Amino acid sequence: MELKLEFGTGKIVDGEEITEMRTFVTRKMMSRLVVEAFEVRDEINLTEFNTATLHRLADFACEVYDNKFTRDQLYDGLASNLLISTLKETMEGVISGVTKRQDTFPAVK
């Protein structure tokens, strides 16, 4: 999976800070991360978002991307219209990476 965030450069031009986009790619996902994705999905209510839900999903997204950015950097660098879908897709992406492979398991006789 891949995530693009906007970061400030500290440079000001014409009174506005210059920003740059950084792209983050997920690391090799170990099984523990899959277990945590299921735990996150079990403990949150995806139909009633609140601050705790957003923070839990954001923290999980940071972990998926090997903590290369913080929760605050995620909130500050991601467009608001992409926040909820990105957080949900990150969690579901981890889960679906495993569940898609279940179809390849041989049937038990």
N, C-alpha and C. Protein backbone atom coordinates (compact mmCIF):
# COMPACT_ATOMS: atom_id res chain seq x y z
N MET A 1 0.84 -1.17 0.00
CA MET A 1 0.00 0.00 0.00
C MET A 1 0.89 1.24 0.00
N GLU A 2 0.29 2.33 -0.41
CA GLU A 2 1.02 3.57 -0.54
C GLU A 2 0.18 4.72 0.00
N LEU A 3 0.84 5.69 0.63
CA LEU A 3 0.16 6.85 1.19
C LEU A 3 0.98 8.09 0.90
N LYS A 4 0.32 9.14 0.41
CA LYS A 4 1.00 10.42 0.12
C LYS A 4 0.54 11.45 1.13
N LEU A 5 1.52 12.10 1.77
CA LEU A 5 1.25 13.15 2.75
C LEU A 5 2.00 14.41 2.35
N GLU A 6 1.40 15.55 2.69
CA GLU A 6 2.00 16.84 2.41
C GLU A 6 2.73 17.34 3.67
N PHE A 7 3.98 17.74 3.51
CA PHE A 7 4.78 18.23 4.63
C PHE A 7 5.29 19.63 4.34
N GLY A 8 5.34 20.45 5.39
CA GLY A 8 5.92 21.78 5.26
C GLY A 8 7.43 21.68 5.16
N THR A 9 8.03 22.57 4.38
CA THR A 9 9.48 22.56 4.21
C THR A 9 10.17 23.58 5.12
N GLY A 10 9.38 24.46 5.73
CA GLY A 10 9.96 25.52 6.54
C GLY A 10 10.33 26.75 5.73
N LYS A 11 10.21 26.67 4.42
CA LYS A 11 10.51 27.79 3.53
C LYS A 11 9.24 28.58 3.27
N ILE A 12 9.35 29.91 3.38
CA ILE A 12 8.21 30.80 3.16
C ILE A 12 8.46 31.59 1.89
N VAL A 13 7.49 31.59 0.98
CA VAL A 13 7.56 32.38 -0.25
C VAL A 13 6.25 33.13 -0.38
N ASP A 14 6.37 34.44 -0.52
CA ASP A 14 5.19 35.31 -0.62
C ASP A 14 4.21 35.07 0.53
N GLY A 15 4.75 34.87 1.72
CA GLY A 15 3.93 34.71 2.92
C GLY A 15 3.32 33.33 3.11
N GLU A 16 3.59 32.40 2.20
CA GLU A 16 3.04 31.04 2.33
C GLU A 16 4.16 30.03 2.42
N GLU A 17 3.93 29.02 3.26
CA GLU A 17 4.94 27.97 3.41
C GLU A 17 4.91 27.05 2.20
N ILE A 18 6.09 26.72 1.74
CA ILE A 18 6.24 25.77 0.64
C ILE A 18 6.10 24.36 1.22
N THR A 19 5.33 23.53 0.55
CA THR A 19 5.13 22.16 1.01
C THR A 19 5.66 21.18 -0.03
N GLU A 20 5.85 19.96 0.41
CA GLU A 20 6.26 18.90 -0.50
C GLU A 20 5.47 17.65 -0.19
N MET A 21 5.21 16.88 -1.22
CA MET A 21 4.51 15.60 -1.03
C MET A 21 5.55 14.52 -0.79
N ARG A 22 5.27 13.68 0.19
CA ARG A 22 6.12 12.52 0.45
C ARG A 22 5.26 11.27 0.30
N THR A 23 5.84 10.28 -0.29
CA THR A 23 5.14 9.02 -0.50
C THR A 23 5.70 7.97 0.44
N PHE A 24 4.82 7.28 1.13
CA PHE A 24 5.20 6.22 2.06
C PHE A 24 4.66 4.90 1.53
N VAL A 25 5.47 3.88 1.60
CA VAL A 25 5.08 2.55 1.14
C VAL A 25 5.15 1.62 2.34
N THR A 26 4.18 0.73 2.43
CA THR A 26 4.15 -0.19 3.58
C THR A 26 5.34 -1.13 3.53
N ARG A 27 5.71 -1.53 4.71
CA ARG A 27 6.78 -2.52 4.85
C ARG A 27 6.19 -3.91 4.64
N LYS A 28 7.06 -4.90 4.69
CA LYS A 28 6.58 -6.27 4.66
C LYS A 28 5.71 -6.47 5.90
N MET A 29 4.49 -6.91 5.69
CA MET A 29 3.56 -7.03 6.81
C MET A 29 3.71 -8.39 7.48
N MET A 30 3.97 -8.34 8.74
CA MET A 30 4.09 -9.56 9.51
C MET A 30 2.71 -9.93 10.06
N SER A 31 2.59 -11.16 10.48
CA SER A 31 1.29 -11.69 10.93
C SER A 31 0.71 -10.90 12.09
N ARG A 32 1.55 -10.40 12.97
CA ARG A 32 1.04 -9.66 14.12
C ARG A 32 0.25 -8.43 13.67
N LEU A 33 0.66 -7.81 12.59
CA LEU A 33 -0.05 -6.64 12.07
C LEU A 33 -1.45 -7.03 11.57
N VAL A 34 -1.57 -8.20 10.99
CA VAL A 34 -2.87 -8.69 10.55
C VAL A 34 -3.78 -8.92 11.75
N VAL A 35 -3.23 -9.53 12.79
CA VAL A 35 -4.00 -9.76 14.01
C VAL A 35 -4.48 -8.43 14.57
N GLU A 36 -3.58 -7.45 14.60
CA GLU A 36 -3.97 -6.14 15.13
C GLU A 36 -5.04 -5.49 14.26
N ALA A 37 -4.97 -5.66 12.95
CA ALA A 37 -6.00 -5.10 12.07
C ALA A 37 -7.38 -5.68 12.41
N PHE A 38 -7.44 -6.98 12.65
CA PHE A 38 -8.71 -7.60 13.06
C PHE A 38 -9.15 -7.06 14.42
N GLU A 39 -8.22 -6.88 15.33
CA GLU A 39 -8.56 -6.34 16.66
C GLU A 39 -9.11 -4.92 16.54
N VAL A 40 -8.46 -4.11 15.72
CA VAL A 40 -8.93 -2.73 15.52
C VAL A 40 -10.34 -2.75 14.95
N ARG A 41 -10.56 -3.57 13.95
CA ARG A 41 -11.89 -3.64 13.33
C ARG A 41 -12.94 -4.10 14.34
N ASP A 42 -12.57 -5.03 15.21
CA ASP A 42 -13.51 -5.52 16.21
C ASP A 42 -13.84 -4.47 17.28
N GLU A 43 -12.87 -3.62 17.61
CA GLU A 43 -13.09 -2.69 18.72
C GLU A 43 -13.69 -1.35 18.32
N ILE A 44 -13.70 -1.03 17.04
CA ILE A 44 -14.25 0.27 16.65
C ILE A 44 -15.59 0.09 15.95
N ASN A 45 -16.34 1.18 15.90
CA ASN A 45 -17.62 1.19 15.22
C ASN A 45 -17.45 2.03 13.96
N LEU A 46 -17.42 1.37 12.81
CA LEU A 46 -17.18 2.08 11.56
C LEU A 46 -18.36 2.92 11.09
N THR A 47 -19.50 2.78 11.74
CA THR A 47 -20.65 3.59 11.34
C THR A 47 -20.81 4.85 12.18
N GLU A 48 -20.20 4.87 13.36
CA GLU A 48 -20.29 6.04 14.23
C GLU A 48 -18.88 6.51 14.58
N PHE A 49 -18.32 7.33 13.73
CA PHE A 49 -16.97 7.82 13.96
C PHE A 49 -16.95 8.85 15.08
N ASN A 50 -15.95 8.75 15.92
CA ASN A 50 -15.72 9.75 16.97
C ASN A 50 -14.20 9.96 17.07
N THR A 51 -13.79 10.82 17.94
CA THR A 51 -12.37 11.13 18.07
C THR A 51 -11.55 9.90 18.41
N ALA A 52 -12.03 9.08 19.33
CA ALA A 52 -11.28 7.88 19.72
C ALA A 52 -11.11 6.93 18.54
N THR A 53 -12.15 6.79 17.73
CA THR A 53 -12.07 5.92 16.55
C THR A 53 -11.04 6.46 15.57
N LEU A 54 -11.10 7.75 15.30
CA LEU A 54 -10.13 8.35 14.37
C LEU A 54 -8.70 8.16 14.87
N HIS A 55 -8.48 8.42 16.16
CA HIS A 55 -7.14 8.28 16.71
C HIS A 55 -6.66 6.83 16.64
N ARG A 56 -7.54 5.89 16.93
CA ARG A 56 -7.14 4.47 16.90
C ARG A 56 -6.77 4.05 15.48
N LEU A 57 -7.58 4.46 14.50
CA LEU A 57 -7.28 4.14 13.11
C LEU A 57 -6.02 4.85 12.62
N ALA A 58 -5.83 6.09 13.04
CA ALA A 58 -4.64 6.84 12.63
C ALA A 58 -3.39 6.21 13.23
N ASP A 59 -3.46 5.82 14.49
CA ASP A 59 -2.31 5.17 15.11
C ASP A 59 -1.98 3.85 14.42
N PHE A 60 -3.01 3.12 14.03
CA PHE A 60 -2.79 1.87 13.31
C PHE A 60 -2.15 2.15 11.95
N ALA A 61 -2.63 3.17 11.25
CA ALA A 61 -2.04 3.53 9.95
C ALA A 61 -0.57 3.87 10.10
N CYS A 62 -0.22 4.60 11.16
CA CYS A 62 1.19 4.91 11.41
C CYS A 62 2.00 3.63 11.58
N GLU A 63 1.44 2.69 12.30
CA GLU A 63 2.14 1.42 12.52
C GLU A 63 2.31 0.65 11.21
N VAL A 64 1.27 0.65 10.38
CA VAL A 64 1.35 -0.05 9.09
C VAL A 64 2.49 0.50 8.25
N TYR A 65 2.70 1.82 8.32
CA TYR A 65 3.77 2.46 7.56
C TYR A 65 5.05 2.58 8.40
N ASP A 66 5.20 1.69 9.36
CA ASP A 66 6.42 1.55 10.16
C ASP A 66 6.77 2.82 10.93
N ASN A 67 5.75 3.56 11.35
CA ASN A 67 5.92 4.78 12.14
C ASN A 67 6.88 5.78 11.50
N LYS A 68 6.81 5.88 10.18
CA LYS A 68 7.64 6.86 9.46
C LYS A 68 7.06 8.26 9.53
N PHE A 69 5.85 8.36 10.08
CA PHE A 69 5.21 9.64 10.34
C PHE A 69 4.35 9.47 11.59
N THR A 70 4.01 10.60 12.20
CA THR A 70 3.22 10.57 13.42
C THR A 70 1.73 10.76 13.09
N ARG A 71 0.92 10.55 14.09
CA ARG A 71 -0.52 10.78 13.93
C ARG A 71 -0.75 12.24 13.52
N ASP A 72 -0.07 13.17 14.18
CA ASP A 72 -0.25 14.59 13.84
C ASP A 72 0.20 14.88 12.41
N GLN A 73 1.29 14.27 11.97
CA GLN A 73 1.74 14.47 10.60
C GLN A 73 0.72 13.90 9.61
N LEU A 74 0.10 12.80 9.97
CA LEU A 74 -0.96 12.23 9.13
C LEU A 74 -2.13 13.20 9.04
N TYR A 75 -2.59 13.70 10.19
CA TYR A 75 -3.71 14.64 10.21
C TYR A 75 -3.37 15.93 9.46
N ASP A 76 -2.16 16.43 9.62
CA ASP A 76 -1.77 17.69 8.99
C ASP A 76 -1.44 17.55 7.51
N GLY A 77 -1.06 16.35 7.08
CA GLY A 77 -0.59 16.17 5.72
C GLY A 77 -1.56 15.51 4.76
N LEU A 78 -2.73 15.12 5.26
CA LEU A 78 -3.71 14.43 4.42
C LEU A 78 -4.94 15.31 4.27
N ALA A 79 -5.40 15.46 3.05
CA ALA A 79 -6.59 16.28 2.79
C ALA A 79 -7.78 15.72 3.57
N SER A 80 -8.58 16.62 4.12
CA SER A 80 -9.69 16.20 4.99
C SER A 80 -10.68 15.27 4.30
N ASN A 81 -10.89 15.47 3.01
CA ASN A 81 -11.85 14.60 2.30
C ASN A 81 -11.32 13.18 2.10
N LEU A 82 -10.05 12.96 2.39
CA LEU A 82 -9.45 11.63 2.24
C LEU A 82 -9.23 10.92 3.57
N LEU A 83 -9.44 11.61 4.67
CA LEU A 83 -9.07 11.05 5.98
C LEU A 83 -9.77 9.73 6.28
N ILE A 84 -11.08 9.73 6.35
CA ILE A 84 -11.80 8.54 6.78
C ILE A 84 -11.60 7.39 5.79
N SER A 85 -11.69 7.67 4.50
CA SER A 85 -11.51 6.59 3.53
C SER A 85 -10.09 6.02 3.59
N THR A 86 -9.10 6.87 3.78
CA THR A 86 -7.72 6.39 3.86
C THR A 86 -7.52 5.51 5.09
N LEU A 87 -8.05 5.93 6.22
CA LEU A 87 -7.90 5.15 7.45
C LEU A 87 -8.60 3.79 7.33
N LYS A 88 -9.81 3.79 6.79
CA LYS A 88 -10.54 2.54 6.62
C LYS A 88 -9.83 1.63 5.61
N GLU A 89 -9.37 2.20 4.51
CA GLU A 89 -8.70 1.41 3.48
C GLU A 89 -7.39 0.83 3.98
N THR A 90 -6.71 1.53 4.86
CA THR A 90 -5.47 1.00 5.41
C THR A 90 -5.75 -0.24 6.24
N MET A 91 -6.73 -0.15 7.12
CA MET A 91 -7.08 -1.29 7.96
C MET A 91 -7.57 -2.46 7.10
N GLU A 92 -8.49 -2.18 6.20
CA GLU A 92 -9.05 -3.23 5.35
C GLU A 92 -8.01 -3.79 4.39
N GLY A 93 -7.06 -2.96 3.97
CA GLY A 93 -6.00 -3.43 3.07
C GLY A 93 -5.13 -4.49 3.72
N VAL A 94 -4.85 -4.30 4.99
CA VAL A 94 -4.06 -5.30 5.73
C VAL A 94 -4.85 -6.60 5.82
N ILE A 95 -6.12 -6.49 6.15
CA ILE A 95 -6.96 -7.67 6.30
C ILE A 95 -7.18 -8.37 4.96
N SER A 96 -7.49 -7.61 3.92
CA SER A 96 -7.79 -8.23 2.63
C SER A 96 -6.56 -8.86 2.00
N GLY A 97 -5.38 -8.38 2.35
CA GLY A 97 -4.16 -9.01 1.85
C GLY A 97 -4.04 -10.45 2.28
N VAL A 98 -4.65 -10.77 3.40
CA VAL A 98 -4.63 -12.14 3.92
C VAL A 98 -5.86 -12.91 3.46
N THR A 99 -7.02 -12.28 3.57
CA THR A 99 -8.26 -13.01 3.28
C THR A 99 -8.39 -13.34 1.79
N LYS A 100 -7.79 -12.56 0.91
CA LYS A 100 -7.83 -12.88 -0.52
C LYS A 100 -7.12 -14.20 -0.80
N ARG A 101 -6.14 -14.51 0.00
CA ARG A 101 -5.37 -15.73 -0.21
C ARG A 101 -6.08 -16.97 0.32
N GLN A 102 -7.12 -16.79 1.09
CA GLN A 102 -7.83 -17.94 1.64
C GLN A 102 -8.42 -18.80 0.52
N ASP A 103 -8.78 -18.19 -0.59
CA ASP A 103 -9.36 -18.94 -1.70
C ASP A 103 -8.37 -19.93 -2.30
N THR A 104 -7.10 -19.74 -2.06
CA THR A 104 -6.10 -20.63 -2.64
C THR A 104 -5.80 -21.84 -1.75
N PHE A 105 -6.33 -21.85 -0.53
CA PHE A 105 -6.10 -22.98 0.35
C PHE A 105 -6.88 -24.19 -0.16
N PRO A 106 -6.27 -25.36 -0.09
CA PRO A 106 -7.02 -26.56 -0.52
C PRO A 106 -8.16 -26.86 0.44
N ALA A 107 -9.20 -27.39 -0.08
CA ALA A 107 -10.36 -27.75 0.76
C ALA A 107 -10.00 -28.94 1.64
N VAL A 108 -10.49 -28.93 2.84
CA VAL A 108 -10.27 -30.03 3.77
C VAL A 108 -11.28 -31.12 3.46
N LYS A 109 -10.80 -32.34 3.35
CA LYS A 109 -11.72 -33.45 3.02
C LYS A 109 -11.95 -34.30 4.22
